[in-house]
Protein backbone atom coordinates (compact mmCIF):
# COMPACT_ATOMS: atom_id res chain seq x y z
CA MET A 1 -33.49 11.88 33.86
CA MET A 2 -31.19 13.18 31.10
CA GLY A 3 -28.28 11.41 32.75
CA LEU A 4 -30.14 8.10 32.50
CA VAL A 5 -30.98 8.66 28.84
CA THR A 6 -27.39 9.59 28.10
CA ALA A 7 -26.12 6.49 29.90
CA LEU A 8 -28.56 4.25 27.99
CA VAL A 9 -27.57 5.78 24.65
CA MET A 10 -23.88 5.33 25.46
CA ALA A 11 -24.46 1.71 26.53
CA GLY A 12 -26.39 1.00 23.34
CA ALA A 13 -23.71 2.60 21.19
CA THR A 14 -21.05 0.57 22.99
CA ILE A 15 -22.93 -2.68 22.40
CA VAL A 16 -23.47 -1.87 18.71
CA GLY A 17 -19.79 -0.98 18.34
CA LEU A 18 -18.70 -4.25 19.97
CA VAL A 19 -21.00 -6.25 17.69
CA ILE A 20 -19.60 -4.50 14.62
CA LEU A 21 -16.02 -5.11 15.74
CA GLY A 22 -16.84 -8.77 16.41
CA VAL A 23 -18.31 -9.24 12.95
CA ILE A 24 -15.27 -7.59 11.34
CA PHE A 25 -12.97 -9.81 13.41
CA LEU A 26 -14.85 -12.98 12.44
CA LEU A 27 -14.90 -12.02 8.75
CA GLY A 28 -11.17 -11.32 8.89
CA ILE A 29 -10.47 -14.72 10.39
CA ARG A 30 -12.68 -16.41 7.82
CA LEU A 31 -10.95 -14.69 4.89
CA LEU A 32 -7.42 -15.29 6.17
CA ARG A 33 -7.94 -18.91 7.19
CA PRO A 34 -5.90 -21.22 4.95
CA GLY A 35 -7.94 -23.60 2.87
CA ALA A 36 -10.99 -21.39 3.06
CA PRO A 37 -13.15 -21.57 -0.05
CA LYS A 38 -12.70 -18.47 -2.15
CA PRO A 39 -15.84 -16.70 -3.23
CA GLY A 40 -16.30 -17.53 -6.89
CA GLY A 41 -18.43 -16.09 -9.57
CA ASN A 42 -19.32 -16.47 -13.18
CA ASP A 43 -16.73 -14.33 -14.96
CA ALA A 44 -18.70 -14.20 -18.21
CA GLU A 45 -21.82 -12.99 -16.41
CA GLU A 46 -19.84 -10.38 -14.47
CA ALA A 47 -18.19 -9.15 -17.69
CA ARG A 48 -21.58 -8.87 -19.40
CA LEU A 49 -23.02 -6.91 -16.49
CA LEU A 50 -20.03 -4.55 -16.41
CA GLN A 51 -20.33 -3.94 -20.15
CA GLU A 52 -24.03 -3.20 -19.77
CA ILE A 53 -23.32 -0.76 -16.94
CA HIS A 54 -20.63 0.92 -19.03
CA ARG A 55 -23.00 1.33 -21.98
CA SER A 56 -25.72 2.72 -19.72
CA LEU A 57 -23.32 5.21 -18.15
CA SER A 58 -22.10 6.30 -21.58
CA ARG A 59 -25.68 6.98 -22.69
CA LEU A 60 -26.34 8.83 -19.44
CA GLU A 61 -23.26 10.98 -20.02
CA GLU A 62 -24.50 11.87 -23.52
CA ARG A 63 -27.90 12.85 -22.13
CA VAL A 64 -26.34 15.03 -19.44
CA GLU A 65 -24.18 16.78 -22.02
CA ALA A 66 -27.26 17.40 -24.20
CA LEU A 67 -29.14 18.83 -21.22
CA GLU A 68 -26.19 21.05 -20.33
CA THR A 69 -26.17 22.36 -23.89
CA LEU A 70 -29.90 23.09 -23.78
CA VAL A 71 -29.63 24.87 -20.43
CA LEU A 72 -26.62 26.94 -21.46
CA ASP A 73 -28.22 27.87 -24.80
CA GLY A 74 -31.40 28.88 -22.95
CA LYS A 75 -29.44 31.12 -20.61
CA ALA A 76 -27.52 32.68 -23.49
CA GLY A 77 -30.77 33.34 -25.38
CA ARG A 78 -32.29 35.09 -22.38
CA GLU A 79 -29.22 37.24 -21.89
CA ASP A 80 -29.29 38.31 -25.55
CA GLU A 81 -32.89 39.47 -25.16
CA ARG A 82 -31.94 41.88 -22.37
């Protein structure tokens, strides 16, 4: 019974692997084909989104630093009490 389960799992994994390789192959052909339309985007919109992400990450970094300070000060205060 375990041999059958193992064989079915291996067959399923093989089929999934072949499908993934086929998709990668087809995407590679599509990207390398001459005259293929290049994926375009709105550069201004992308720049705005990247700036917004950068600002959000900067604020997040400031918050993390503030939390680190609070945690380290709390530990130092407890050690002084001992």
